[in-house]
């Protein structure tokens, strides 16, 4: 006579690799950090199925502008170095600086954090950086998702993405229509490589033997490489309230050669003065150590120029004075010129 099969051993979600209690602890610890980023238009708090934001009292004809991004392989460097407190600022900056280009004010932000096994301290550090970036941008962090997915990521690794919604009055939307021949390009300084080109950066850094403590311009190389992306929102919104800016560009992947031209109408091109692009020390090191040609530098990195304003020549001095007052280092880097109608974007940009 055969014996009856034994009952299976009970398995919990924790046994499968998902710790609900750890997730709940993260939420409780980030609540005060997130709340500091709230704006008056935020309705409710964290924990709902959907985040609520009231637009009714602020705009007459609101146009919503949205953007989503990550931080590229800078995330790998952050994980290798166990530096998690500023990568969230990078995430916010990559999104809010993009929507700012069209003259829009970032309203709210949502993040997505995914990992194989949730480490509470790491997660709180990352989300704390996101909350700080939102606070510095006047943008409310009103929701997000923390996903623990066993076997999806190697131990200690996580992925990060963000989504931002902004708004602008329809009459004030910047779409490039104002750009004219002779307009001046005013380049605003970056804080470093920001969050672009890090696959090349990491390759150069590894080939050089990872000289983390090497001095570049008075700071350690690794600190220069990990400097969080500059947030341009508040000062540029102030400029928009005072000046008739014709267009703006956020210098991200594609560098100087591929980003500014995106906001320039057909029939016009760019003449960028190469002598005005003074490489900060960290970029000098990358170019020297990697033997990177100028053309590759210009189309991969911001080369020290993180944001560009396109302004009428008669307004350039006043805009420059306000940039000085706001503490933003800047310089003219070129001008808008005529180009053949229907010319490709590449042929409409000259750096020399």
C-alpha atoms as a PDB file:
ATOM      1  CA  UNK A   1       0.000   0.000   0.000  1.00  0.00           C
ATOM      2  CA  UNK A   2       1.549   3.364  -1.056  1.00  0.00           C
ATOM      3  CA  UNK A   3       1.769   6.221   1.377  1.00  0.00           C
ATOM      4  CA  UNK A   4      -0.040   9.477   0.624  1.00  0.00           C
ATOM      5  CA  UNK A   5       2.202  12.282  -0.695  1.00  0.00           C
ATOM      6  CA  UNK A   6       3.419  14.735   1.883  1.00  0.00           C
ATOM      7  CA  UNK A   7       2.001  18.270   1.818  1.00  0.00           C
ATOM      8  CA  UNK A   8       4.211  20.866   0.057  1.00  0.00           C
ATOM      9  CA  UNK A   9       6.187  23.242   2.226  1.00  0.00           C
ATOM     10  CA  UNK A  10       4.458  26.654   2.321  1.00  0.00           C
ATOM     11  CA  UNK A  11       6.242  29.363   0.319  1.00  0.00           C
ATOM     12  CA  UNK A  12       5.850  33.066   1.039  1.00  0.00           C
ATOM     13  CA  UNK A  13       6.484  36.077  -1.187  1.00  0.00           C
ATOM     14  CA  UNK A  14       9.606  36.739   0.924  1.00  0.00           C
ATOM     15  CA  UNK A  15      10.831  33.199   0.119  1.00  0.00           C
ATOM     16  CA  UNK A  16      10.417  34.076  -3.560  1.00  0.00           C
ATOM     17  CA  UNK A  17      12.663  37.107  -3.084  1.00  0.00           C
ATOM     18  CA  UNK A  18      10.193  39.959  -2.539  1.00  0.00           C
ATOM     19  CA  UNK A  19      10.176  41.673   0.856  1.00  0.00           C
ATOM     20  CA  UNK A  20       6.944  43.637   1.227  1.00  0.00           C
ATOM     21  CA  UNK A  21       7.994  44.910   4.659  1.00  0.00           C
ATOM     22  CA  UNK A  22      11.178  46.432   3.195  1.00  0.00           C
ATOM     23  CA  UNK A  23       9.095  48.175   0.549  1.00  0.00           C
ATOM     24  CA  UNK A  24       6.796  49.590   3.192  1.00  0.00           C
ATOM     25  CA  UNK A  25       9.805  50.823   5.180  1.00  0.00           C
ATOM     26  CA  UNK A  26      11.110  52.656   2.105  1.00  0.00           C
ATOM     27  CA  UNK A  27       7.772  54.412   1.674  1.00  0.00           C
ATOM     28  CA  UNK A  28       7.675  55.537   5.303  1.00  0.00           C
ATOM     29  CA  UNK A  29      11.241  56.839   5.191  1.00  0.00           C
ATOM     30  CA  UNK A  30      10.830  58.798   1.961  1.00  0.00           C
ATOM     31  CA  UNK A  31       7.510  60.417   2.889  1.00  0.00           C
ATOM     32  CA  UNK A  32       9.056  63.476   4.641  1.00  0.00           C
ATOM     33  CA  UNK A  33      11.610  63.873   1.809  1.00  0.00           C
ATOM     34  CA  UNK A  34       8.902  63.771  -0.837  1.00  0.00           C
ATOM     35  CA  UNK A  35       6.596  66.133   1.039  1.00  0.00           C
ATOM     36  CA  UNK A  36       9.208  68.901   0.879  1.00  0.00           C
ATOM     37  CA  UNK A  37       8.844  68.922  -2.908  1.00  0.00           C
ATOM     38  CA  UNK A  38       5.053  69.406  -2.870  1.00  0.00           C
ATOM     39  CA  UNK A  39       3.423  72.463  -4.451  1.00  0.00           C
ATOM     40  CA  UNK A  40       0.034  73.980  -3.514  1.00  0.00           C
ATOM     41  CA  UNK A  41      -1.544  72.328  -6.567  1.00  0.00           C
ATOM     42  CA  UNK A  42      -0.827  68.813  -5.282  1.00  0.00           C
ATOM     43  CA  UNK A  43      -3.988  67.088  -4.075  1.00  0.00           C
ATOM     44  CA  UNK A  44      -3.560  64.351  -1.475  1.00  0.00           C
ATOM     45  CA  UNK A  45      -0.277  62.624  -0.693  1.00  0.00           C
ATOM     46  CA  UNK A  46       1.610  59.416  -1.388  1.00  0.00           C
ATOM     47  CA  UNK A  47      -0.206  56.116  -1.413  1.00  0.00           C
ATOM     48  CA  UNK A  48      -3.064  56.577  -3.847  1.00  0.00           C
ATOM     49  CA  UNK A  49      -3.460  54.638  -7.078  1.00  0.00           C
ATOM     50  CA  UNK A  50      -3.050  57.857  -9.035  1.00  0.00           C
ATOM     51  CA  UNK A  51      -1.420  61.195  -8.210  1.00  0.00           C
ATOM     52  CA  UNK A  52      -3.601  64.318  -8.373  1.00  0.00           C
ATOM     53  CA  UNK A  53      -2.579  67.818  -9.484  1.00  0.00           C
ATOM     54  CA  UNK A  54      -4.946  70.797  -9.841  1.00  0.00           C
ATOM     55  CA  UNK A  55      -4.209  73.092 -12.821  1.00  0.00           C
ATOM     56  CA  UNK A  56      -7.385  75.160 -12.624  1.00  0.00           C
ATOM     57  CA  UNK A  57      -6.082  78.237 -10.833  1.00  0.00           C
ATOM     58  CA  UNK A  58      -2.800  78.778 -12.695  1.00  0.00           C
ATOM     59  CA  UNK A  59      -3.304  78.720 -16.479  1.00  0.00           C
ATOM     60  CA  UNK A  60      -5.829  80.104 -18.967  1.00  0.00           C
ATOM     61  CA  UNK A  61      -4.788  78.013 -21.979  1.00  0.00           C
ATOM     62  CA  UNK A  62      -2.363  75.438 -20.606  1.00  0.00           C
ATOM     63  CA  UNK A  63      -0.281  73.330 -22.958  1.00  0.00           C
ATOM     64  CA  UNK A  64       1.098  70.248 -21.218  1.00  0.00           C
ATOM     65  CA  UNK A  65       4.690  69.303 -22.031  1.00  0.00           C
ATOM     66  CA  UNK A  66       5.952  65.897 -20.933  1.00  0.00           C
ATOM     67  CA  UNK A  67       9.312  64.185 -20.911  1.00  0.00           C
ATOM     68  CA  UNK A  68      10.864  60.947 -19.754  1.00  0.00           C
ATOM     69  CA  UNK A  69      14.485  59.888 -19.356  1.00  0.00           C
ATOM     70  CA  UNK A  70      17.028  57.935 -17.366  1.00  0.00           C
ATOM     71  CA  UNK A  71      20.649  58.594 -16.449  1.00  0.00           C
ATOM     72  CA  UNK A  72      22.336  56.187 -18.852  1.00  0.00           C
ATOM     73  CA  UNK A  73      25.353  54.213 -17.735  1.00  0.00           C
ATOM     74  CA  UNK A  74      26.302  56.864 -15.191  1.00  0.00           C
ATOM     75  CA  UNK A  75      24.142  54.556 -13.085  1.00  0.00           C
ATOM     76  CA  UNK A  76      26.806  51.830 -13.403  1.00  0.00           C
ATOM     77  CA  UNK A  77      29.448  54.198 -12.089  1.00  0.00           C
ATOM     78  CA  UNK A  78      27.230  55.215  -9.163  1.00  0.00           C
ATOM     79  CA  UNK A  79      26.723  51.562  -8.261  1.00  0.00           C
ATOM     80  CA  UNK A  80      30.414  50.705  -8.578  1.00  0.00           C
ATOM     81  CA  UNK A  81      31.310  53.611  -6.283  1.00  0.00           C
ATOM     82  CA  UNK A  82      28.385  53.063  -3.893  1.00  0.00           C
ATOM     83  CA  UNK A  83      27.334  56.688  -4.454  1.00  0.00           C
ATOM     84  CA  UNK A  84      23.565  56.807  -4.538  1.00  0.00           C
ATOM     85  CA  UNK A  85      22.614  60.177  -3.046  1.00  0.00           C
ATOM     86  CA  UNK A  86      22.946  62.390  -6.152  1.00  0.00           C
ATOM     87  CA  UNK A  87      22.022  60.099  -9.038  1.00  0.00           C
ATOM     88  CA  UNK A  88      18.381  61.017  -8.386  1.00  0.00           C
ATOM     89  CA  UNK A  89      19.212  64.685  -9.006  1.00  0.00           C
ATOM     90  CA  UNK A  90      20.585  63.611 -12.389  1.00  0.00           C
ATOM     91  CA  UNK A  91      17.348  61.806 -13.156  1.00  0.00           C
ATOM     92  CA  UNK A  92      15.205  64.842 -12.393  1.00  0.00           C
ATOM     93  CA  UNK A  93      17.509  67.222 -14.248  1.00  0.00           C
ATOM     94  CA  UNK A  94      17.494  65.182 -17.444  1.00  0.00           C
ATOM     95  CA  UNK A  95      13.705  65.417 -17.548  1.00  0.00           C
ATOM     96  CA  UNK A  96      12.985  68.928 -16.258  1.00  0.00           C
ATOM     97  CA  UNK A  97      15.730  70.577 -18.317  1.00  0.00           C
ATOM     98  CA  UNK A  98      14.217  68.995 -21.433  1.00  0.00           C
ATOM     99  CA  UNK A  99      10.664  70.270 -20.901  1.00  0.00           C
ATOM    100  CA  UNK A 100      12.051  73.679 -19.935  1.00  0.00           C
ATOM    101  CA  UNK A 101      13.303  74.096 -23.530  1.00  0.00           C
ATOM    102  CA  UNK A 102       9.758  74.846 -24.715  1.00  0.00           C
ATOM    103  CA  UNK A 103       9.268  77.472 -22.039  1.00  0.00           C
ATOM    104  CA  UNK A 104       7.340  75.105 -19.779  1.00  0.00           C
ATOM    105  CA  UNK A 105       7.383  75.064 -15.981  1.00  0.00           C
ATOM    106  CA  UNK A 106       7.842  71.538 -14.562  1.00  0.00           C
ATOM    107  CA  UNK A 107       4.836  70.728 -12.387  1.00  0.00           C
ATOM    108  CA  UNK A 108       5.241  67.179 -11.185  1.00  0.00           C
ATOM    109  CA  UNK A 109       7.516  64.170 -11.471  1.00  0.00           C
ATOM    110  CA  UNK A 110       7.168  60.402 -11.119  1.00  0.00           C
ATOM    111  CA  UNK A 111      10.013  57.922 -10.766  1.00  0.00           C
ATOM    112  CA  UNK A 112      10.519  54.212 -11.402  1.00  0.00           C
ATOM    113  CA  UNK A 113      13.083  52.308  -9.336  1.00  0.00           C
ATOM    114  CA  UNK A 114      13.614  48.597 -10.047  1.00  0.00           C
ATOM    115  CA  UNK A 115      16.016  46.166  -8.407  1.00  0.00           C
ATOM    116  CA  UNK A 116      16.492  42.455  -7.814  1.00  0.00           C
ATOM    117  CA  UNK A 117      16.598  42.705  -4.030  1.00  0.00           C
ATOM    118  CA  UNK A 118      15.520  45.847  -2.234  1.00  0.00           C
ATOM    119  CA  UNK A 119      18.183  47.516  -0.098  1.00  0.00           C
ATOM    120  CA  UNK A 120      16.319  50.034   2.034  1.00  0.00           C
ATOM    121  CA  UNK A 121      19.225  52.440   2.611  1.00  0.00           C
ATOM    122  CA  UNK A 122      20.214  52.516  -1.065  1.00  0.00           C
ATOM    123  CA  UNK A 123      16.635  53.030  -2.197  1.00  0.00           C
ATOM    124  CA  UNK A 124      16.042  55.834   0.294  1.00  0.00           C
ATOM    125  CA  UNK A 125      19.295  57.529  -0.811  1.00  0.00           C
ATOM    126  CA  UNK A 126      18.281  57.365  -4.480  1.00  0.00           C
ATOM    127  CA  UNK A 127      14.717  58.566  -3.926  1.00  0.00           C
ATOM    128  CA  UNK A 128      16.027  61.226  -1.538  1.00  0.00           C
ATOM    129  CA  UNK A 129      18.117  62.567  -4.415  1.00  0.00           C
ATOM    130  CA  UNK A 130      15.067  62.565  -6.668  1.00  0.00           C
ATOM    131  CA  UNK A 131      13.091  64.492  -4.041  1.00  0.00           C
ATOM    132  CA  UNK A 132      15.947  66.990  -3.676  1.00  0.00           C
ATOM    133  CA  UNK A 133      16.138  67.512  -7.442  1.00  0.00           C
ATOM    134  CA  UNK A 134      12.395  68.121  -7.543  1.00  0.00           C
ATOM    135  CA  UNK A 135      12.590  70.548  -4.629  1.00  0.00           C
ATOM    136  CA  UNK A 136      15.371  72.513  -6.329  1.00  0.00           C
ATOM    137  CA  UNK A 137      13.310  72.650  -9.539  1.00  0.00           C
ATOM    138  CA  UNK A 138      10.022  73.635  -7.904  1.00  0.00           C
ATOM    139  CA  UNK A 139       8.592  70.372  -9.216  1.00  0.00           C
ATOM    140  CA  UNK A 140       6.463  68.099  -7.024  1.00  0.00           C
ATOM    141  CA  UNK A 141       7.428  64.444  -6.642  1.00  0.00           C
ATOM    142  CA  UNK A 142       3.882  63.112  -6.465  1.00  0.00           C
ATOM    143  CA  UNK A 143       4.274  59.435  -7.258  1.00  0.00           C
ATOM    144  CA  UNK A 144       6.487  56.597  -8.328  1.00  0.00           C
ATOM    145  CA  UNK A 145       7.054  52.867  -8.351  1.00  0.00           C
ATOM    146  CA  UNK A 146       9.549  50.790  -6.406  1.00  0.00           C
ATOM    147  CA  UNK A 147       9.753  47.319  -7.947  1.00  0.00           C
ATOM    148  CA  UNK A 148      11.582  44.378  -6.387  1.00  0.00           C
ATOM    149  CA  UNK A 149      12.095  41.779  -9.123  1.00  0.00           C
ATOM    150  CA  UNK A 150      14.226  38.761  -8.146  1.00  0.00           C
ATOM    151  CA  UNK A 151      16.523  37.370 -10.871  1.00  0.00           C
ATOM    152  CA  UNK A 152      16.048  40.421 -13.111  1.00  0.00           C
ATOM    153  CA  UNK A 153      19.144  42.304 -11.900  1.00  0.00           C
ATOM    154  CA  UNK A 154      22.542  41.215 -10.532  1.00  0.00           C
ATOM    155  CA  UNK A 155      23.084  41.769  -6.785  1.00  0.00           C
ATOM    156  CA  UNK A 156      23.572  45.445  -5.904  1.00  0.00           C
ATOM    157  CA  UNK A 157      22.247  46.760  -9.221  1.00  0.00           C
ATOM    158  CA  UNK A 158      19.116  48.761  -9.905  1.00  0.00           C
ATOM    159  CA  UNK A 159      17.509  50.645 -12.775  1.00  0.00           C
ATOM    160  CA  UNK A 160      16.067  54.120 -12.733  1.00  0.00           C
ATOM    161  CA  UNK A 161      13.702  56.113 -14.940  1.00  0.00           C
ATOM    162  CA  UNK A 162      11.671  59.277 -14.536  1.00  0.00           C
ATOM    163  CA  UNK A 163       8.712  61.078 -16.056  1.00  0.00           C
ATOM    164  CA  UNK A 164       7.909  64.778 -15.838  1.00  0.00           C
ATOM    165  CA  UNK A 165       4.864  66.869 -16.760  1.00  0.00           C
ATOM    166  CA  UNK A 166       5.195  70.624 -17.299  1.00  0.00           C
ATOM    167  CA  UNK A 167       2.855  73.369 -18.509  1.00  0.00           C
ATOM    168  CA  UNK A 168       3.106  76.619 -20.438  1.00  0.00           C
ATOM    169  CA  UNK A 169       0.556  79.162 -21.618  1.00  0.00           C
ATOM    170  CA  UNK A 170      -0.184  78.473 -25.276  1.00  0.00           C
ATOM    171  CA  UNK A 171       0.775  82.042 -26.195  1.00  0.00           C
ATOM    172  CA  UNK A 172       4.214  81.640 -24.561  1.00  0.00           C
ATOM    173  CA  UNK A 173       5.174  78.256 -26.008  1.00  0.00           C
ATOM    174  CA  UNK A 174       8.680  78.302 -27.512  1.00  0.00           C
ATOM    175  CA  UNK A 175       8.650  76.364 -30.783  1.00  0.00           C
ATOM    176  CA  UNK A 176      11.491  78.001 -32.734  1.00  0.00           C
ATOM    177  CA  UNK A 177       9.187  80.257 -34.766  1.00  0.00           C
ATOM    178  CA  UNK A 178      10.879  83.410 -33.434  1.00  0.00           C
ATOM    179  CA  UNK A 179      14.405  82.377 -34.433  1.00  0.00           C
ATOM    180  CA  UNK A 180      16.013  84.706 -36.987  1.00  0.00           C
ATOM    181  CA  UNK A 181      19.293  84.957 -38.871  1.00  0.00           C
ATOM    182  CA  UNK A 182      21.799  86.806 -36.686  1.00  0.00           C
ATOM    183  CA  UNK A 183      20.392  85.550 -33.366  1.00  0.00           C
ATOM    184  CA  UNK A 184      23.083  84.956 -30.752  1.00  0.00           C
ATOM    185  CA  UNK A 185      23.757  81.587 -29.102  1.00  0.00           C
ATOM    186  CA  UNK A 186      24.428  82.065 -25.392  1.00  0.00           C
ATOM    187  CA  UNK A 187      25.937  78.967 -23.812  1.00  0.00           C
ATOM    188  CA  UNK A 188      25.333  78.392 -20.095  1.00  0.00           C
ATOM    189  CA  UNK A 189      27.940  76.340 -18.245  1.00  0.00           C
ATOM    190  CA  UNK A 190      27.367  72.713 -17.345  1.00  0.00           C
ATOM    191  CA  UNK A 191      28.377  71.167 -14.021  1.00  0.00           C
ATOM    192  CA  UNK A 192      30.334  68.416 -15.788  1.00  0.00           C
ATOM    193  CA  UNK A 193      29.417  65.610 -18.197  1.00  0.00           C
ATOM    194  CA  UNK A 194      25.907  65.651 -16.704  1.00  0.00           C
ATOM    195  CA  UNK A 195      24.378  62.265 -17.645  1.00  0.00           C
ATOM    196  CA  UNK A 196      25.575  61.720 -21.202  1.00  0.00           C
ATOM    197  CA  UNK A 197      28.478  59.914 -22.805  1.00  0.00           C
ATOM    198  CA  UNK A 198      29.128  57.655 -19.823  1.00  0.00           C
ATOM    199  CA  UNK A 199      29.694  54.505 -21.862  1.00  0.00           C
ATOM    200  CA  UNK A 200      32.680  56.297 -23.397  1.00  0.00           C
ATOM    201  CA  UNK A 201      33.623  57.900 -20.072  1.00  0.00           C
ATOM    202  CA  UNK A 202      33.673  54.553 -18.269  1.00  0.00           C
ATOM    203  CA  UNK A 203      35.757  52.990 -21.033  1.00  0.00           C
ATOM    204  CA  UNK A 204      38.337  55.788 -20.794  1.00  0.00           C
ATOM    205  CA  UNK A 205      38.251  55.704 -16.977  1.00  0.00           C
ATOM    206  CA  UNK A 206      38.774  51.917 -16.914  1.00  0.00           C
ATOM    207  CA  UNK A 207      41.556  52.015 -19.498  1.00  0.00           C
ATOM    208  CA  UNK A 208      43.328  54.707 -17.451  1.00  0.00           C
ATOM    209  CA  UNK A 209      43.285  52.422 -14.409  1.00  0.00           C
ATOM    210  CA  UNK A 210      40.384  54.145 -12.614  1.00  0.00           C
ATOM    211  CA  UNK A 211      42.457  57.051 -11.197  1.00  0.00           C
ATOM    212  CA  UNK A 212      39.638  58.216  -8.898  1.00  0.00           C
ATOM    213  CA  UNK A 213      41.811  60.591  -6.832  1.00  0.00           C
ATOM    214  CA  UNK A 214      43.529  62.263  -9.802  1.00  0.00           C
ATOM    215  CA  UNK A 215      43.324  66.055  -9.529  1.00  0.00           C
ATOM    216  CA  UNK A 216      41.461  67.725 -12.383  1.00  0.00           C
ATOM    217  CA  UNK A 217      41.058  71.443 -11.920  1.00  0.00           C
ATOM    218  CA  UNK A 218      41.236  71.262  -8.135  1.00  0.00           C
ATOM    219  CA  UNK A 219      38.780  68.399  -7.626  1.00  0.00           C
ATOM    220  CA  UNK A 220      39.138  64.643  -7.666  1.00  0.00           C
ATOM    221  CA  UNK A 221      38.430  63.074 -11.032  1.00  0.00           C
ATOM    222  CA  UNK A 222      35.708  60.855  -9.632  1.00  0.00           C
ATOM    223  CA  UNK A 223      33.958  63.810  -8.023  1.00  0.00           C
ATOM    224  CA  UNK A 224      34.036  65.658 -11.352  1.00  0.00           C
ATOM    225  CA  UNK A 225      32.601  62.625 -13.149  1.00  0.00           C
ATOM    226  CA  UNK A 226      29.856  62.124 -10.557  1.00  0.00           C
ATOM    227  CA  UNK A 227      28.859  65.799 -10.201  1.00  0.00           C
ATOM    228  CA  UNK A 228      25.064  65.916 -10.555  1.00  0.00           C
ATOM    229  CA  UNK A 229      23.504  67.448 -13.646  1.00  0.00           C
ATOM    230  CA  UNK A 230      22.889  71.190 -13.350  1.00  0.00           C
ATOM    231  CA  UNK A 231      19.256  72.154 -12.807  1.00  0.00           C
ATOM    232  CA  UNK A 232      18.442  75.170 -14.996  1.00  0.00           C
ATOM    233  CA  UNK A 233      14.724  75.471 -14.248  1.00  0.00           C
ATOM    234  CA  UNK A 234      14.377  78.277 -11.715  1.00  0.00           C
ATOM    235  CA  UNK A 235      16.864  80.767 -13.212  1.00  0.00           C
ATOM    236  CA  UNK A 236      15.704  80.177 -16.788  1.00  0.00           C
ATOM    237  CA  UNK A 237      12.044  80.567 -15.816  1.00  0.00           C
ATOM    238  CA  UNK A 238      13.028  83.909 -14.266  1.00  0.00           C
ATOM    239  CA  UNK A 239      14.716  84.898 -17.533  1.00  0.00           C
ATOM    240  CA  UNK A 240      11.607  83.932 -19.483  1.00  0.00           C
ATOM    241  CA  UNK A 241       9.585  86.297 -17.325  1.00  0.00           C
ATOM    242  CA  UNK A 242      11.810  89.231 -18.277  1.00  0.00           C
ATOM    243  CA  UNK A 243      13.202  88.573 -21.759  1.00  0.00           C
ATOM    244  CA  UNK A 244      11.912  87.558 -25.171  1.00  0.00           C
ATOM    245  CA  UNK A 245      14.004  84.426 -25.649  1.00  0.00           C
ATOM    246  CA  UNK A 246      13.666  83.014 -29.152  1.00  0.00           C
ATOM    247  CA  UNK A 247      14.561  79.391 -28.402  1.00  0.00           C
ATOM    248  CA  UNK A 248      16.476  77.197 -25.969  1.00  0.00           C
ATOM    249  CA  UNK A 249      18.298  73.878 -26.113  1.00  0.00           C
ATOM    250  CA  UNK A 250      19.326  71.328 -23.485  1.00  0.00           C
ATOM    251  CA  UNK A 251      22.683  69.805 -24.437  1.00  0.00           C
ATOM    252  CA  UNK A 252      22.320  66.063 -23.880  1.00  0.00           C
ATOM    253  CA  UNK A 253      23.134  62.997 -25.993  1.00  0.00           C
ATOM    254  CA  UNK A 254      24.302  64.250 -29.378  1.00  0.00           C
ATOM    255  CA  UNK A 255      26.244  67.097 -27.815  1.00  0.00           C
ATOM    256  CA  UNK A 256      26.575  70.545 -29.338  1.00  0.00           C
ATOM    257  CA  UNK A 257      26.277  69.422 -32.943  1.00  0.00           C
ATOM    258  CA  UNK A 258      22.929  67.626 -32.658  1.00  0.00           C
ATOM    259  CA  UNK A 259      20.938  69.419 -29.942  1.00  0.00           C
ATOM    260  CA  UNK A 260      20.846  73.140 -30.732  1.00  0.00           C
ATOM    261  CA  UNK A 261      19.831  72.536 -34.342  1.00  0.00           C
ATOM    262  CA  UNK A 262      16.689  70.731 -33.103  1.00  0.00           C
ATOM    263  CA  UNK A 263      15.143  74.108 -32.192  1.00  0.00           C
ATOM    264  CA  UNK A 264      16.275  75.961 -35.342  1.00  0.00           C
ATOM    265  CA  UNK A 265      13.767  76.192 -38.250  1.00  0.00           C
ATOM    266  CA  UNK A 266      14.507  74.899 -41.738  1.00  0.00           C
ATOM    267  CA  UNK A 267      16.403  77.400 -43.844  1.00  0.00           C
ATOM    268  CA  UNK A 268      18.583  78.444 -40.917  1.00  0.00           C
ATOM    269  CA  UNK A 269      21.765  76.950 -39.532  1.00  0.00           C
ATOM    270  CA  UNK A 270      24.353  77.440 -36.824  1.00  0.00           C
ATOM    271  CA  UNK A 271      27.854  78.865 -36.883  1.00  0.00           C
ATOM    272  CA  UNK A 272      29.448  77.812 -33.598  1.00  0.00           C
ATOM    273  CA  UNK A 273      32.767  79.386 -32.627  1.00  0.00           C
ATOM    274  CA  UNK A 274      35.078  76.534 -31.608  1.00  0.00           C
ATOM    275  CA  UNK A 275      37.361  78.966 -29.763  1.00  0.00           C
ATOM    276  CA  UNK A 276      34.432  79.826 -27.468  1.00  0.00           C
ATOM    277  CA  UNK A 277      34.144  76.189 -26.370  1.00  0.00           C
ATOM    278  CA  UNK A 278      36.708  76.147 -23.568  1.00  0.00           C
ATOM    279  CA  UNK A 279      36.861  72.599 -22.246  1.00  0.00           C
ATOM    280  CA  UNK A 280      36.647  72.326 -18.438  1.00  0.00           C
ATOM    281  CA  UNK A 281      39.421  70.183 -16.882  1.00  0.00           C
ATOM    282  CA  UNK A 282      37.376  66.968 -16.711  1.00  0.00           C
ATOM    283  CA  UNK A 283      36.676  67.140 -20.452  1.00  0.00           C
ATOM    284  CA  UNK A 284      40.321  67.975 -21.168  1.00  0.00           C
ATOM    285  CA  UNK A 285      41.306  64.822 -19.295  1.00  0.00           C
ATOM    286  CA  UNK A 286      38.761  62.688 -21.139  1.00  0.00           C
ATOM    287  CA  UNK A 287      39.878  63.986 -24.531  1.00  0.00           C
ATOM    288  CA  UNK A 288      43.573  63.594 -23.746  1.00  0.00           C
ATOM    289  CA  UNK A 289      43.343  60.175 -22.074  1.00  0.00           C
ATOM    290  CA  UNK A 290      40.954  58.786 -24.676  1.00  0.00           C
ATOM    291  CA  UNK A 291      42.592  60.523 -27.674  1.00  0.00           C
ATOM    292  CA  UNK A 292      39.068  61.607 -28.595  1.00  0.00           C
ATOM    293  CA  UNK A 293      38.872  63.766 -31.755  1.00  0.00           C
ATOM    294  CA  UNK A 294      37.205  67.179 -31.493  1.00  0.00           C
ATOM    295  CA  UNK A 295      34.307  66.107 -33.688  1.00  0.00           C
ATOM    296  CA  UNK A 296      33.611  63.137 -31.410  1.00  0.00           C
ATOM    297  CA  UNK A 297      33.779  65.350 -28.325  1.00  0.00           C
ATOM    298  CA  UNK A 298      31.273  67.831 -29.777  1.00  0.00           C
ATOM    299  CA  UNK A 299      28.727  65.141 -30.708  1.00  0.00           C
ATOM    300  CA  UNK A 300      29.095  63.066 -27.514  1.00  0.00           C
ATOM    301  CA  UNK A 301      29.539  65.521 -24.633  1.00  0.00           C
ATOM    302  CA  UNK A 302      28.227  68.941 -23.647  1.00  0.00           C
ATOM    303  CA  UNK A 303      31.891  70.103 -23.510  1.00  0.00           C
ATOM    304  CA  UNK A 304      31.103  72.515 -20.679  1.00  0.00           C
ATOM    305  CA  UNK A 305      27.926  73.973 -22.229  1.00  0.00           C
ATOM    306  CA  UNK A 306      24.831  72.469 -20.634  1.00  0.00           C
ATOM    307  CA  UNK A 307      22.077  74.772 -21.887  1.00  0.00           C
ATOM    308  CA  UNK A 308      21.843  77.247 -24.758  1.00  0.00           C
ATOM    309  CA  UNK A 309      19.683  80.342 -25.196  1.00  0.00           C
ATOM    310  CA  UNK A 310      18.920  81.739 -28.646  1.00  0.00           C
ATOM    311  CA  UNK A 311      18.397  85.496 -28.317  1.00  0.00           C
ATOM    312  CA  UNK A 312      18.106  88.534 -30.584  1.00  0.00           C
ATOM    313  CA  UNK A 313      21.447  90.365 -30.829  1.00  0.00           C
ATOM    314  CA  UNK A 314      19.973  93.543 -29.323  1.00  0.00           C
ATOM    315  CA  UNK A 315      18.856  91.547 -26.245  1.00  0.00           C
ATOM    316  CA  UNK A 316      22.092  89.649 -25.684  1.00  0.00           C
ATOM    317  CA  UNK A 317      23.666  92.176 -23.289  1.00  0.00           C
ATOM    318  CA  UNK A 318      20.603  92.360 -21.037  1.00  0.00           C
ATOM    319  CA  UNK A 319      20.243  88.569 -20.953  1.00  0.00           C
ATOM    320  CA  UNK A 320      23.940  88.251 -20.134  1.00  0.00           C
ATOM    321  CA  UNK A 321      23.607  90.723 -17.261  1.00  0.00           C
ATOM    322  CA  UNK A 322      20.753  88.728 -15.758  1.00  0.00           C
ATOM    323  CA  UNK A 323      22.646  85.461 -16.161  1.00  0.00           C
ATOM    324  CA  UNK A 324      25.515  87.079 -14.274  1.00  0.00           C
ATOM    325  CA  UNK A 325      23.152  88.184 -11.516  1.00  0.00           C
ATOM    326  CA  UNK A 326      21.715  84.675 -11.283  1.00  0.00           C
ATOM    327  CA  UNK A 327      25.182  83.187 -10.892  1.00  0.00           C
ATOM    328  CA  UNK A 328      25.173  81.251 -14.161  1.00  0.00           C
ATOM    329  CA  UNK A 329      28.503  81.216 -15.962  1.00  0.00           C
ATOM    330  CA  UNK A 330      27.958  81.806 -19.673  1.00  0.00           C
ATOM    331  CA  UNK A 331      29.423  83.096 -22.920  1.00  0.00           C
ATOM    332  CA  UNK A 332      28.352  83.677 -26.523  1.00  0.00           C
ATOM    333  CA  UNK A 333      29.262  80.604 -28.549  1.00  0.00           C
ATOM    334  CA  UNK A 334      27.981  81.447 -32.018  1.00  0.00           C
ATOM    335  CA  UNK A 335      25.079  82.684 -34.074  1.00  0.00           C
ATOM    336  CA  UNK A 336      22.203  81.655 -36.304  1.00  0.00           C
ATOM    337  CA  UNK A 337      23.001  81.855 -40.027  1.00  0.00           C
ATOM    338  CA  UNK A 338      21.265  81.157 -43.315  1.00  0.00           C
ATOM    339  CA  UNK A 339      21.232  77.600 -44.620  1.00  0.00           C
ATOM    340  CA  UNK A 340      19.945  75.940 -47.736  1.00  0.00           C
ATOM    341  CA  UNK A 341      16.278  74.999 -47.521  1.00  0.00           C
ATOM    342  CA  UNK A 342      15.883  71.266 -47.003  1.00  0.00           C
ATOM    343  CA  UNK A 343      19.527  70.830 -45.929  1.00  0.00           C
ATOM    344  CA  UNK A 344      20.192  67.960 -43.483  1.00  0.00           C
ATOM    345  CA  UNK A 345      20.703  68.866 -39.809  1.00  0.00           C
ATOM    346  CA  UNK A 346      24.371  67.845 -40.019  1.00  0.00           C
ATOM    347  CA  UNK A 347      25.081  70.201 -42.897  1.00  0.00           C
ATOM    348  CA  UNK A 348      23.354  73.089 -41.092  1.00  0.00           C
ATOM    349  CA  UNK A 349      25.845  73.089 -38.199  1.00  0.00           C
ATOM    350  CA  UNK A 350      29.351  74.442 -38.523  1.00  0.00           C
ATOM    351  CA  UNK A 351      31.853  74.386 -35.649  1.00  0.00           C
ATOM    352  CA  UNK A 352      35.079  76.136 -36.504  1.00  0.00           C
END
